[in-house]
Amino acid sequence: RGRGDGWEAVRQAVEVIVHVERFR
């Protein structure tokens, strides 16, 4: 839906980190 910076970008990074299985 576009580009984001700051809090919105780090919020998305947090969501991806907690939903991606490491080493898989």
PDB file of all heavy atoms in Angstrom:
ATOM      1  N   ARG A   1       0.813  -1.207   0.000  1.00  0.00           N
ATOM      2  CA  ARG A   1       0.000   0.000   0.000  1.00  0.00           C
ATOM      3  C   ARG A   1       0.850   1.262   0.000  1.00  0.00           C
ATOM      4  O   ARG A   1       0.361   2.351   0.260  1.00  0.00           O
ATOM      5  CB  ARG A   1      -0.966   0.012   1.173  1.00  0.00           C
ATOM      6  CG  ARG A   1      -0.344   0.005   2.530  1.00  0.00           C
ATOM      7  CD  ARG A   1      -1.456   0.162   3.583  1.00  0.00           C
ATOM      8  NE  ARG A   1      -0.983  -0.170   4.893  1.00  0.00           N
ATOM      9  CZ  ARG A   1      -0.392   0.698   5.704  1.00  0.00           C
ATOM     10  NH1 ARG A   1      -0.192   1.928   5.333  1.00  0.00           N
ATOM     11  NH2 ARG A   1       0.009   0.313   6.897  1.00  0.00           N
ATOM     12  N   GLY A   2       2.114   1.122  -0.266  1.00  0.00           N
ATOM     13  CA  GLY A   2       2.994   2.287  -0.314  1.00  0.00           C
ATOM     14  C   GLY A   2       4.233   2.058   0.533  1.00  0.00           C
ATOM     15  O   GLY A   2       4.530   0.936   0.928  1.00  0.00           O
ATOM     16  N   ARG A   3       4.939   3.137   0.778  1.00  0.00           N
ATOM     17  CA  ARG A   3       6.160   3.039   1.566  1.00  0.00           C
ATOM     18  C   ARG A   3       5.948   3.673   2.919  1.00  0.00           C
ATOM     19  O   ARG A   3       5.171   4.604   3.070  1.00  0.00           O
ATOM     20  CB  ARG A   3       7.314   3.699   0.822  1.00  0.00           C
ATOM     21  CG  ARG A   3       7.580   2.966  -0.470  1.00  0.00           C
ATOM     22  CD  ARG A   3       8.749   3.379  -1.283  1.00  0.00           C
ATOM     23  NE  ARG A   3       9.365   4.644  -1.031  1.00  0.00           N
ATOM     24  CZ  ARG A   3      10.528   4.999  -1.545  1.00  0.00           C
ATOM     25  NH1 ARG A   3      11.170   4.176  -2.332  1.00  0.00           N
ATOM     26  NH2 ARG A   3      11.049   6.164  -1.299  1.00  0.00           N
ATOM     27  N   GLY A   4       6.648   3.134   3.898  1.00  0.00           N
ATOM     28  CA  GLY A   4       6.546   3.661   5.251  1.00  0.00           C
ATOM     29  C   GLY A   4       7.918   3.763   5.885  1.00  0.00           C
ATOM     30  O   GLY A   4       8.861   3.095   5.476  1.00  0.00           O
ATOM     31  N   ASP A   5       8.006   4.595   6.892  1.00  0.00           N
ATOM     32  CA  ASP A   5       9.266   4.833   7.584  1.00  0.00           C
ATOM     33  C   ASP A   5       8.975   4.932   9.074  1.00  0.00           C
ATOM     34  O   ASP A   5       7.830   5.019   9.496  1.00  0.00           O
ATOM     35  CB  ASP A   5       9.883   6.133   7.065  1.00  0.00           C
ATOM     36  CG  ASP A   5      11.352   6.277   7.406  1.00  0.00           C
ATOM     37  OD1 ASP A   5      11.943   5.314   7.936  1.00  0.00           O
ATOM     38  OD2 ASP A   5      11.929   7.354   7.154  1.00  0.00           O
ATOM     39  N   GLY A   6       9.993   4.905   9.886  1.00  0.00           N
ATOM     40  CA  GLY A   6       9.844   5.108  11.322  1.00  0.00           C
ATOM     41  C   GLY A   6       9.085   3.987  11.999  1.00  0.00           C
ATOM     42  O   GLY A   6       9.368   2.812  11.802  1.00  0.00           O
ATOM     43  N   TRP A   7       8.095   4.372  12.821  1.00  0.00           N
ATOM     44  CA  TRP A   7       7.361   3.399  13.629  1.00  0.00           C
ATOM     45  C   TRP A   7       6.659   2.365  12.767  1.00  0.00           C
ATOM     46  O   TRP A   7       6.653   1.181  13.093  1.00  0.00           O
ATOM     47  CB  TRP A   7       6.343   4.111  14.527  1.00  0.00           C
ATOM     48  CG  TRP A   7       5.659   3.172  15.459  1.00  0.00           C
ATOM     49  CD1 TRP A   7       6.122   2.761  16.677  1.00  0.00           C
ATOM     50  CD2 TRP A   7       4.420   2.485  15.266  1.00  0.00           C
ATOM     51  NE1 TRP A   7       5.244   1.865  17.245  1.00  0.00           N
ATOM     52  CE2 TRP A   7       4.188   1.679  16.395  1.00  0.00           C
ATOM     53  CE3 TRP A   7       3.498   2.467  14.238  1.00  0.00           C
ATOM     54  CZ2 TRP A   7       3.069   0.878  16.527  1.00  0.00           C
ATOM     55  CZ3 TRP A   7       2.373   1.667  14.374  1.00  0.00           C
ATOM     56  CH2 TRP A   7       2.174   0.886  15.508  1.00  0.00           C
ATOM     57  N   GLU A   8       6.062   2.786  11.665  1.00  0.00           N
ATOM     58  CA  GLU A   8       5.338   1.853  10.800  1.00  0.00           C
ATOM     59  C   GLU A   8       6.270   0.803  10.199  1.00  0.00           C
ATOM     60  O   GLU A   8       5.936  -0.377  10.123  1.00  0.00           O
ATOM     61  CB  GLU A   8       4.618   2.617   9.688  1.00  0.00           C
ATOM     62  CG  GLU A   8       3.660   1.758   8.891  1.00  0.00           C
ATOM     63  CD  GLU A   8       2.854   2.565   7.897  1.00  0.00           C
ATOM     64  OE1 GLU A   8       3.317   3.612   7.415  1.00  0.00           O
ATOM     65  OE2 GLU A   8       1.733   2.121   7.616  1.00  0.00           O
ATOM     66  N   ALA A   9       7.458   1.199   9.806  1.00  0.00           N
ATOM     67  CA  ALA A   9       8.423   0.263   9.236  1.00  0.00           C
ATOM     68  C   ALA A   9       8.926  -0.724  10.287  1.00  0.00           C
ATOM     69  O   ALA A   9       9.052  -1.923  10.022  1.00  0.00           O
ATOM     70  CB  ALA A   9       9.596   1.020   8.616  1.00  0.00           C
ATOM     71  N   VAL A  10       9.208  -0.239  11.497  1.00  0.00           N
ATOM     72  CA  VAL A  10       9.707  -1.142  12.538  1.00  0.00           C
ATOM     73  C   VAL A  10       8.585  -2.044  13.049  1.00  0.00           C
ATOM     74  O   VAL A  10       8.817  -3.198  13.405  1.00  0.00           O
ATOM     75  CB  VAL A  10      10.416  -0.365  13.670  1.00  0.00           C
ATOM     76  CG1 VAL A  10       9.444   0.267  14.622  1.00  0.00           C
ATOM     77  CG2 VAL A  10      11.358  -1.271  14.435  1.00  0.00           C
ATOM     78  N   ARG A  11       7.342  -1.568  13.054  1.00  0.00           N
ATOM     79  CA  ARG A  11       6.200  -2.412  13.434  1.00  0.00           C
ATOM     80  C   ARG A  11       6.085  -3.597  12.478  1.00  0.00           C
ATOM     81  O   ARG A  11       5.908  -4.728  12.880  1.00  0.00           O
ATOM     82  CB  ARG A  11       4.893  -1.608  13.416  1.00  0.00           C
ATOM     83  CG  ARG A  11       3.675  -2.456  13.800  1.00  0.00           C
ATOM     84  CD  ARG A  11       2.374  -1.960  13.196  1.00  0.00           C
ATOM     85  NE  ARG A  11       2.403  -1.689  11.778  1.00  0.00           N
ATOM     86  CZ  ARG A  11       2.263  -2.625  10.825  1.00  0.00           C
ATOM     87  NH1 ARG A  11       2.130  -3.879  11.132  1.00  0.00           N
ATOM     88  NH2 ARG A  11       2.282  -2.281   9.555  1.00  0.00           N
ATOM     89  N   GLN A  12       6.225  -3.321  11.180  1.00  0.00           N
ATOM     90  CA  GLN A  12       6.162  -4.391  10.200  1.00  0.00           C
ATOM     91  C   GLN A  12       7.339  -5.353  10.363  1.00  0.00           C
ATOM     92  O   GLN A  12       7.176  -6.570  10.261  1.00  0.00           O
ATOM     93  CB  GLN A  12       6.136  -3.824   8.781  1.00  0.00           C
ATOM     94  CG  GLN A  12       6.087  -4.893   7.712  1.00  0.00           C
ATOM     95  CD  GLN A  12       5.867  -4.308   6.346  1.00  0.00           C
ATOM     96  OE1 GLN A  12       4.737  -4.077   5.974  1.00  0.00           O
ATOM     97  NE2 GLN A  12       6.941  -4.081   5.606  1.00  0.00           N
ATOM     98  N   ALA A  13       8.514  -4.831  10.652  1.00  0.00           N
ATOM     99  CA  ALA A  13       9.685  -5.689  10.864  1.00  0.00           C
ATOM    100  C   ALA A  13       9.474  -6.605  12.062  1.00  0.00           C
ATOM    101  O   ALA A  13       9.815  -7.794  12.015  1.00  0.00           O
ATOM    102  CB  ALA A  13      10.935  -4.833  11.056  1.00  0.00           C
ATOM    103  N   VAL A  14       8.893  -6.085  13.133  1.00  0.00           N
ATOM    104  CA  VAL A  14       8.612  -6.898  14.325  1.00  0.00           C
ATOM    105  C   VAL A  14       7.649  -8.021  13.964  1.00  0.00           C
ATOM    106  O   VAL A  14       7.861  -9.185  14.328  1.00  0.00           O
ATOM    107  CB  VAL A  14       8.044  -6.023  15.467  1.00  0.00           C
ATOM    108  CG1 VAL A  14       7.426  -6.877  16.557  1.00  0.00           C
ATOM    109  CG2 VAL A  14       9.131  -5.132  16.031  1.00  0.00           C
ATOM    110  N   GLU A  15       6.589  -7.711  13.232  1.00  0.00           N
ATOM    111  CA  GLU A  15       5.612  -8.727  12.852  1.00  0.00           C
ATOM    112  C   GLU A  15       6.247  -9.816  11.994  1.00  0.00           C
ATOM    113  O   GLU A  15       5.967 -11.000  12.161  1.00  0.00           O
ATOM    114  CB  GLU A  15       4.425  -8.095  12.121  1.00  0.00           C
ATOM    115  CG  GLU A  15       3.552  -7.252  13.006  1.00  0.00           C
ATOM    116  CD  GLU A  15       2.944  -8.027  14.169  1.00  0.00           C
ATOM    117  OE1 GLU A  15       2.513  -9.179  13.971  1.00  0.00           O
ATOM    118  OE2 GLU A  15       2.927  -7.492  15.284  1.00  0.00           O
ATOM    119  N   VAL A  16       7.103  -9.428  11.074  1.00  0.00           N
ATOM    120  CA  VAL A  16       7.758 -10.417  10.221  1.00  0.00           C
ATOM    121  C   VAL A  16       8.722 -11.271  11.047  1.00  0.00           C
ATOM    122  O   VAL A  16       8.752 -12.502  10.905  1.00  0.00           O
ATOM    123  CB  VAL A  16       8.486  -9.732   9.044  1.00  0.00           C
ATOM    124  CG1 VAL A  16       9.308 -10.734   8.253  1.00  0.00           C
ATOM    125  CG2 VAL A  16       7.483  -9.045   8.128  1.00  0.00           C
ATOM    126  N   ILE A  17       9.482 -10.661  11.925  1.00  0.00           N
ATOM    127  CA  ILE A  17      10.453 -11.409  12.736  1.00  0.00           C
ATOM    128  C   ILE A  17       9.762 -12.455  13.596  1.00  0.00           C
ATOM    129  O   ILE A  17      10.230 -13.585  13.706  1.00  0.00           O
ATOM    130  CB  ILE A  17      11.303 -10.448  13.597  1.00  0.00           C
ATOM    131  CG1 ILE A  17      12.270  -9.663  12.711  1.00  0.00           C
ATOM    132  CG2 ILE A  17      12.067 -11.205  14.672  1.00  0.00           C
ATOM    133  CD1 ILE A  17      12.973  -8.520  13.408  1.00  0.00           C
ATOM    134  N   VAL A  18       8.619 -12.119  14.211  1.00  0.00           N
ATOM    135  CA  VAL A  18       7.958 -13.079  15.097  1.00  0.00           C
ATOM    136  C   VAL A  18       7.158 -14.128  14.339  1.00  0.00           C
ATOM    137  O   VAL A  18       6.754 -15.132  14.929  1.00  0.00           O
ATOM    138  CB  VAL A  18       7.059 -12.399  16.159  1.00  0.00           C
ATOM    139  CG1 VAL A  18       7.869 -11.475  17.034  1.00  0.00           C
ATOM    140  CG2 VAL A  18       5.888 -11.680  15.531  1.00  0.00           C
ATOM    141  N   HIS A  19       6.931 -13.933  13.037  1.00  0.00           N
ATOM    142  CA  HIS A  19       6.172 -14.917  12.277  1.00  0.00           C
ATOM    143  C   HIS A  19       7.023 -15.740  11.310  1.00  0.00           C
ATOM    144  O   HIS A  19       6.494 -16.606  10.609  1.00  0.00           O
ATOM    145  CB  HIS A  19       5.037 -14.236  11.522  1.00  0.00           C
ATOM    146  CG  HIS A  19       3.941 -13.794  12.432  1.00  0.00           C
ATOM    147  ND1 HIS A  19       3.826 -12.493  12.867  1.00  0.00           N
ATOM    148  CD2 HIS A  19       2.942 -14.471  13.026  1.00  0.00           C
ATOM    149  CE1 HIS A  19       2.794 -12.395  13.668  1.00  0.00           C
ATOM    150  NE2 HIS A  19       2.238 -13.580  13.800  1.00  0.00           N
ATOM    151  N   VAL A  20       8.315 -15.470  11.251  1.00  0.00           N
ATOM    152  CA  VAL A  20       9.207 -16.243  10.384  1.00  0.00           C
ATOM    153  C   VAL A  20       9.996 -17.222  11.245  1.00  0.00           C
ATOM    154  O   VAL A  20      10.655 -16.818  12.205  1.00  0.00           O
ATOM    155  CB  VAL A  20      10.163 -15.320   9.598  1.00  0.00           C
ATOM    156  CG1 VAL A  20      11.263 -16.107   8.928  1.00  0.00           C
ATOM    157  CG2 VAL A  20       9.387 -14.507   8.583  1.00  0.00           C
ATOM    158  N   GLU A  21       9.906 -18.485  10.907  1.00  0.00           N
ATOM    159  CA  GLU A  21      10.652 -19.526  11.618  1.00  0.00           C
ATOM    160  C   GLU A  21      12.119 -19.431  11.200  1.00  0.00           C
ATOM    161  O   GLU A  21      12.450 -19.536  10.016  1.00  0.00           O
ATOM    162  CB  GLU A  21      10.095 -20.904  11.269  1.00  0.00           C
ATOM    163  CG  GLU A  21      10.855 -22.048  11.863  1.00  0.00           C
ATOM    164  CD  GLU A  21      10.469 -22.337  13.305  1.00  0.00           C
ATOM    165  OE1 GLU A  21       9.328 -22.079  13.691  1.00  0.00           O
ATOM    166  OE2 GLU A  21      11.350 -22.832  14.038  1.00  0.00           O
ATOM    167  N   ARG A  22      12.987 -19.233  12.176  1.00  0.00           N
ATOM    168  CA  ARG A  22      14.417 -19.103  11.917  1.00  0.00           C
ATOM    169  C   ARG A  22      14.980 -20.419  11.372  1.00  0.00           C
ATOM    170  O   ARG A  22      14.572 -21.485  11.798  1.00  0.00           O
ATOM    171  CB  ARG A  22      15.120 -18.739  13.217  1.00  0.00           C
ATOM    172  CG  ARG A  22      16.520 -18.258  13.033  1.00  0.00           C
ATOM    173  CD  ARG A  22      17.071 -17.855  14.384  1.00  0.00           C
ATOM    174  NE  ARG A  22      18.007 -16.774  14.220  1.00  0.00           N
ATOM    175  CZ  ARG A  22      18.459 -16.032  15.204  1.00  0.00           C
ATOM    176  NH1 ARG A  22      18.057 -16.234  16.426  1.00  0.00           N
ATOM    177  NH2 ARG A  22      19.322 -15.080  14.981  1.00  0.00           N
ATOM    178  N   PHE A  23      15.893 -20.333  10.448  1.00  0.00           N
ATOM    179  CA  PHE A  23      16.600 -21.456   9.819  1.00  0.00           C
ATOM    180  C   PHE A  23      15.714 -22.282   8.886  1.00  0.00           C
ATOM    181  O   PHE A  23      16.150 -23.289   8.369  1.00  0.00           O
ATOM    182  CB  PHE A  23      17.220 -22.407  10.858  1.00  0.00           C
ATOM    183  CG  PHE A  23      18.049 -21.718  11.900  1.00  0.00           C
ATOM    184  CD1 PHE A  23      17.694 -21.773  13.229  1.00  0.00           C
ATOM    185  CD2 PHE A  23      19.183 -21.009  11.551  1.00  0.00           C
ATOM    186  CE1 PHE A  23      18.449 -21.151  14.198  1.00  0.00           C
ATOM    187  CE2 PHE A  23      19.951 -20.370  12.517  1.00  0.00           C
ATOM    188  CZ  PHE A  23      19.580 -20.442  13.836  1.00  0.00           C
ATOM    189  N   ARG A  24      14.452 -21.896   8.662  1.00  0.00           N
ATOM    190  CA  ARG A  24      13.562 -22.697   7.820  1.00  0.00           C
ATOM    191  C   ARG A  24      13.542 -22.228   6.374  1.00  0.00           C
ATOM    192  O   ARG A  24      13.451 -23.032   5.466  1.00  0.00           O
ATOM    193  CB  ARG A  24      12.152 -22.698   8.371  1.00  0.00           C
ATOM    194  CG  ARG A  24      11.195 -23.524   7.494  1.00  0.00           C
ATOM    195  CD  ARG A  24       9.859 -23.669   8.087  1.00  0.00           C
ATOM    196  NE  ARG A  24       9.910 -24.675   9.133  1.00  0.00           N
ATOM    197  CZ  ARG A  24       8.886 -24.992   9.890  1.00  0.00           C
ATOM    198  NH1 ARG A  24       7.733 -24.388   9.722  1.00  0.00           N
ATOM    199  NH2 ARG A  24       8.993 -25.908  10.815  1.00  0.00           N
TER     200      ARG A  24
END
